[in-house]
């Protein structure tokens, strides 16, 4: 999987939310390889993204006659992006990787999880999601005529917390709320296949493949290393 080489720029829509990949990070934003530090799932329902805007200062000063003699408005700045992710599976290991807590096991097999305790630090993870790159009613194909195209949505540094949920006569939707920030130490992504080094809080680019989903935590090694 990598950003494809195209013969010309293409104007494409984004449809569906087909895959989610979570990769564990160190606190400083560098990748954290390990035997259970990554997860690829197709249980993604949606990811909502809202810019958290810090309003610029407004300065106004009137003279003694009540007329404005000084007026200045600072620029608004995006402090971070607030994410809301909904999952269609109560997946203990995925939730554990994203928001922390404790896995509950029996006979060496995961049977559930417990939320992290008050005061525990939240895990830091890189988040990638894939959607279809669409042209009218069809998924777009590579300019060479072979291979489908996807949009890859990336957030290089996210901290998650559990959101509200309802146990009812219906399917339980697992909600996680995240805060996405810039990451100067991510480089070119978990697989080293981003089209450039990305330090921004979020980015989107075309991809020519989508990773296979599997159930359970997976091993992760930094691209180009044996660890």
Protein backbone atom coordinates (compact mmCIF):
# COMPACT_ATOMS: atom_id res chain seq x y z
CA UNK A 1 0.00 0.00 0.00
CA UNK A 2 1.32 3.37 -0.96
CA UNK A 3 0.24 6.65 -2.47
CA UNK A 4 -0.02 5.84 -6.20
CA UNK A 5 1.79 7.57 -9.01
CA UNK A 6 -0.88 9.24 -11.16
CA UNK A 7 -0.55 10.64 -14.66
CA UNK A 8 -2.70 13.66 -13.70
CA UNK A 9 -4.44 15.17 -10.70
CA UNK A 10 -7.88 13.64 -10.09
CA UNK A 11 -10.97 15.15 -8.43
CA UNK A 12 -12.54 12.29 -6.48
CA UNK A 13 -15.19 11.94 -3.78
CA UNK A 14 -14.87 9.92 -0.57
CA UNK A 15 -17.52 7.28 0.21
CA UNK A 16 -17.87 4.73 3.05
CA UNK A 17 -15.60 4.03 6.02
CA UNK A 18 -14.09 0.64 5.32
CA UNK A 19 -11.03 0.12 7.49
CA UNK A 20 -9.32 1.41 10.63
CA UNK A 21 -5.72 0.86 11.68
CA UNK A 22 -4.41 1.79 15.12
CA UNK A 23 -0.67 1.81 15.85
CA UNK A 24 0.84 2.36 19.28
CA UNK A 25 3.21 5.29 19.87
CA UNK A 26 5.65 6.32 22.55
CA UNK A 27 4.70 9.43 24.50
CA UNK A 28 6.95 11.54 22.27
CA UNK A 29 5.06 10.42 19.16
CA UNK A 30 7.65 7.98 17.83
CA UNK A 31 6.47 4.55 16.72
CA UNK A 32 6.41 1.84 19.39
CA UNK A 33 7.05 -1.59 17.81
CA UNK A 34 5.94 -4.67 19.68
CA UNK A 35 4.16 -8.02 19.57
CA UNK A 36 0.69 -6.56 20.26
CA UNK A 37 0.96 -2.91 19.24
CA UNK A 38 -1.24 -2.68 16.15
CA UNK A 39 -4.80 -3.50 15.13
CA UNK A 40 -6.59 -3.46 11.75
CA UNK A 41 -10.39 -3.69 11.90
CA UNK A 42 -13.42 -3.47 9.61
CA UNK A 43 -15.70 -2.70 12.60
CA UNK A 44 -15.46 1.02 11.87
CA UNK A 45 -18.86 2.71 11.51
CA UNK A 46 -17.74 6.33 11.34
CA UNK A 47 -15.16 8.90 12.39
CA UNK A 48 -16.44 12.40 13.09
CA UNK A 49 -13.90 15.23 12.89
CA UNK A 50 -14.40 18.70 14.39
CA UNK A 51 -11.72 21.40 14.44
CA UNK A 52 -11.25 22.76 17.95
CA UNK A 53 -10.74 26.46 17.25
CA UNK A 54 -9.04 28.86 19.65
CA UNK A 55 -10.57 32.28 18.95
CA UNK A 56 -8.21 35.17 18.36
CA UNK A 57 -8.08 37.98 20.89
CA UNK A 58 -10.40 40.92 20.28
CA UNK A 59 -9.09 44.24 21.54
CA UNK A 60 -11.30 47.33 21.65
CA UNK A 61 -10.61 50.64 23.39
CA UNK A 62 -12.95 53.61 23.43
CA UNK A 63 -12.06 57.20 24.14
CA UNK A 64 -13.76 59.38 26.70
CA UNK A 65 -16.47 60.33 24.19
CA UNK A 66 -17.48 56.69 23.64
CA UNK A 67 -15.93 56.38 20.20
CA UNK A 68 -13.74 53.40 19.31
CA UNK A 69 -10.15 54.53 18.96
CA UNK A 70 -8.42 51.13 18.97
CA UNK A 71 -9.79 47.95 17.45
CA UNK A 72 -7.88 44.76 16.61
CA UNK A 73 -8.91 41.14 16.07
CA UNK A 74 -6.37 38.33 16.22
CA UNK A 75 -6.46 35.29 13.94
CA UNK A 76 -8.35 32.18 15.00
CA UNK A 77 -6.13 29.11 15.42
CA UNK A 78 -6.91 25.40 15.35
CA UNK A 79 -5.76 23.98 18.68
CA UNK A 80 -6.47 20.34 17.75
CA UNK A 81 -9.07 18.13 16.05
CA UNK A 82 -11.74 16.44 18.16
CA UNK A 83 -12.60 12.96 16.89
CA UNK A 84 -15.62 10.75 17.57
CA UNK A 85 -15.23 7.15 16.42
CA UNK A 86 -18.09 4.65 16.40
CA UNK A 87 -17.46 0.90 16.26
CA UNK A 88 -19.98 -1.86 15.61
CA UNK A 89 -18.16 -4.49 17.70
CA UNK A 90 -17.48 -4.63 21.43
CA UNK A 91 -13.85 -5.46 20.72
CA UNK A 92 -11.94 -5.56 24.00
CA UNK A 93 -8.43 -5.63 22.51
CA UNK A 94 -9.10 -2.79 20.06
CA UNK A 95 -10.66 -0.60 22.77
CA UNK A 96 -7.73 -1.42 25.06
CA UNK A 97 -5.18 -0.36 22.43
CA UNK A 98 -7.04 2.87 21.70
CA UNK A 99 -8.07 4.07 25.16
CA UNK A 100 -6.07 2.04 27.68
CA UNK A 101 -7.37 0.09 30.64
CA UNK A 102 -6.85 -3.57 31.40
CA UNK A 103 -7.54 -6.72 29.44
CA UNK A 104 -9.45 -9.44 31.25
CA UNK A 105 -8.24 -12.92 30.35
CA UNK A 106 -9.12 -16.49 31.24
CA UNK A 107 -6.88 -19.39 30.30
CA UNK A 108 -4.71 -16.99 28.32
CA UNK A 109 -7.64 -15.83 26.15
CA UNK A 110 -9.05 -12.31 26.23
CA UNK A 111 -12.66 -12.32 27.46
CA UNK A 112 -13.16 -8.61 28.15
CA UNK A 113 -11.60 -5.41 29.44
CA UNK A 114 -11.84 -2.92 32.28
CA UNK A 115 -11.55 0.85 31.81
CA UNK A 116 -8.39 2.58 32.92
CA UNK A 117 -8.37 3.91 36.46
CA UNK A 118 -8.79 7.58 37.25
CA UNK A 119 -5.42 9.25 36.89
CA UNK A 120 -3.98 6.66 34.50
CA UNK A 121 -2.34 8.15 31.43
CA UNK A 122 -3.99 7.62 28.06
CA UNK A 123 -2.22 5.69 25.28
CA UNK A 124 -0.89 7.62 22.31
CA UNK A 125 -1.66 6.09 18.93
CA UNK A 126 -1.49 6.81 15.21
CA UNK A 127 -4.84 6.45 13.45
CA UNK A 128 -5.41 5.60 9.78
CA UNK A 129 -8.76 5.03 8.06
CA UNK A 130 -9.62 4.03 4.50
CA UNK A 131 -12.60 5.05 2.36
CA UNK A 132 -13.42 4.51 -1.31
CA UNK A 133 -12.19 7.12 -3.75
CA UNK A 134 -15.26 7.59 -5.92
CA UNK A 135 -16.00 8.97 -9.37
CA UNK A 136 -19.76 9.30 -9.83
CA UNK A 137 -21.26 5.83 -9.20
CA UNK A 138 -18.03 3.80 -9.36
CA UNK A 139 -14.94 3.38 -7.24
CA UNK A 140 -12.08 5.11 -9.02
CA UNK A 141 -9.32 3.06 -10.59
CA UNK A 142 -5.65 3.80 -11.09
CA UNK A 143 -4.79 5.89 -14.14
CA UNK A 144 -3.17 2.80 -15.64
CA UNK A 145 -6.59 1.13 -15.62
CA UNK A 146 -5.71 -1.47 -13.01
CA UNK A 147 -6.25 -1.32 -9.29
CA UNK A 148 -8.83 0.48 -7.17
CA UNK A 149 -8.18 3.77 -5.42
CA UNK A 150 -8.91 4.64 -1.79
CA UNK A 151 -8.63 7.72 0.37
CA UNK A 152 -6.40 7.23 3.39
CA UNK A 153 -7.25 9.54 6.30
CA UNK A 154 -4.48 9.88 8.89
CA UNK A 155 -4.17 11.40 12.34
CA UNK A 156 -0.55 10.94 13.49
CA UNK A 157 -1.06 11.49 17.24
CA UNK A 158 -4.34 10.77 19.03
CA UNK A 159 -5.39 10.19 22.63
CA UNK A 160 -8.75 8.44 23.14
CA UNK A 161 -11.27 8.29 25.95
CA UNK A 162 -14.40 6.10 26.19
CA UNK A 163 -17.62 7.79 25.10
CA UNK A 164 -21.26 7.19 26.03
CA UNK A 165 -23.02 3.97 25.03
CA UNK A 166 -26.40 2.34 25.51
CA UNK A 167 -27.21 -1.30 26.23
CA UNK A 168 -30.69 -1.79 24.79
CA UNK A 169 -32.92 -3.76 22.44
CA UNK A 170 -30.57 -3.08 19.55
CA UNK A 171 -26.95 -3.17 18.49
CA UNK A 172 -24.50 -1.59 20.92
CA UNK A 173 -22.43 1.14 19.28
CA UNK A 174 -19.04 1.63 20.93
CA UNK A 175 -18.05 5.30 20.94
CA UNK A 176 -14.56 6.63 21.58
CA UNK A 177 -13.68 10.33 21.75
CA UNK A 178 -10.24 11.42 20.62
CA UNK A 179 -8.01 14.47 20.56
CA UNK A 180 -5.74 14.66 17.51
CA UNK A 181 -2.64 16.83 17.61
CA UNK A 182 0.44 17.49 15.51
CA UNK A 183 3.26 14.94 15.67
CA UNK A 184 6.75 16.07 14.67
CA UNK A 185 8.14 12.55 15.23
CA UNK A 186 5.88 10.39 13.05
CA UNK A 187 7.88 10.51 9.82
CA UNK A 188 6.26 8.76 6.85
CA UNK A 189 3.78 6.66 8.82
CA UNK A 190 3.67 3.25 10.53
CA UNK A 191 4.48 1.40 7.30
CA UNK A 192 6.78 4.10 5.93
CA UNK A 193 4.49 4.47 2.91
CA UNK A 194 2.97 7.92 3.30
CA UNK A 195 3.75 10.14 0.30
CA UNK A 196 5.75 12.50 2.54
CA UNK A 197 6.71 13.12 6.14
CA UNK A 198 3.51 14.38 7.80
CA UNK A 199 3.65 16.40 11.02
CA UNK A 200 0.18 17.99 10.76
CA UNK A 201 -2.65 16.90 13.04
CA UNK A 202 -4.47 15.29 10.10
CA UNK A 203 -3.99 14.55 6.40
CA UNK A 204 -5.69 12.71 3.54
CA UNK A 205 -4.17 11.18 0.43
CA UNK A 206 -4.94 8.60 -2.26
CA UNK A 207 -3.92 5.00 -1.71
CA UNK A 208 -3.88 2.05 -4.10
CA UNK A 209 -4.76 -0.70 -1.60
CA UNK A 210 -6.45 -1.35 1.72
CA UNK A 211 -5.09 -3.49 4.58
CA UNK A 212 -6.74 -6.78 5.49
CA UNK A 213 -8.75 -6.73 8.71
CA UNK A 214 -8.22 -9.35 11.40
CA UNK A 215 -9.52 -10.05 14.88
CA UNK A 216 -7.02 -9.39 17.65
CA UNK A 217 -3.89 -7.41 18.43
CA UNK A 218 -1.08 -7.86 15.91
CA UNK A 219 2.67 -7.45 16.00
CA UNK A 220 4.18 -4.31 14.57
CA UNK A 221 7.70 -3.54 13.41
CA UNK A 222 8.99 -0.21 12.17
CA UNK A 223 9.45 -0.31 8.38
CA UNK A 224 13.00 -1.28 7.47
CA UNK A 225 13.84 -2.76 10.88
CA UNK A 226 13.81 -6.28 12.26
CA UNK A 227 12.31 -5.25 15.60
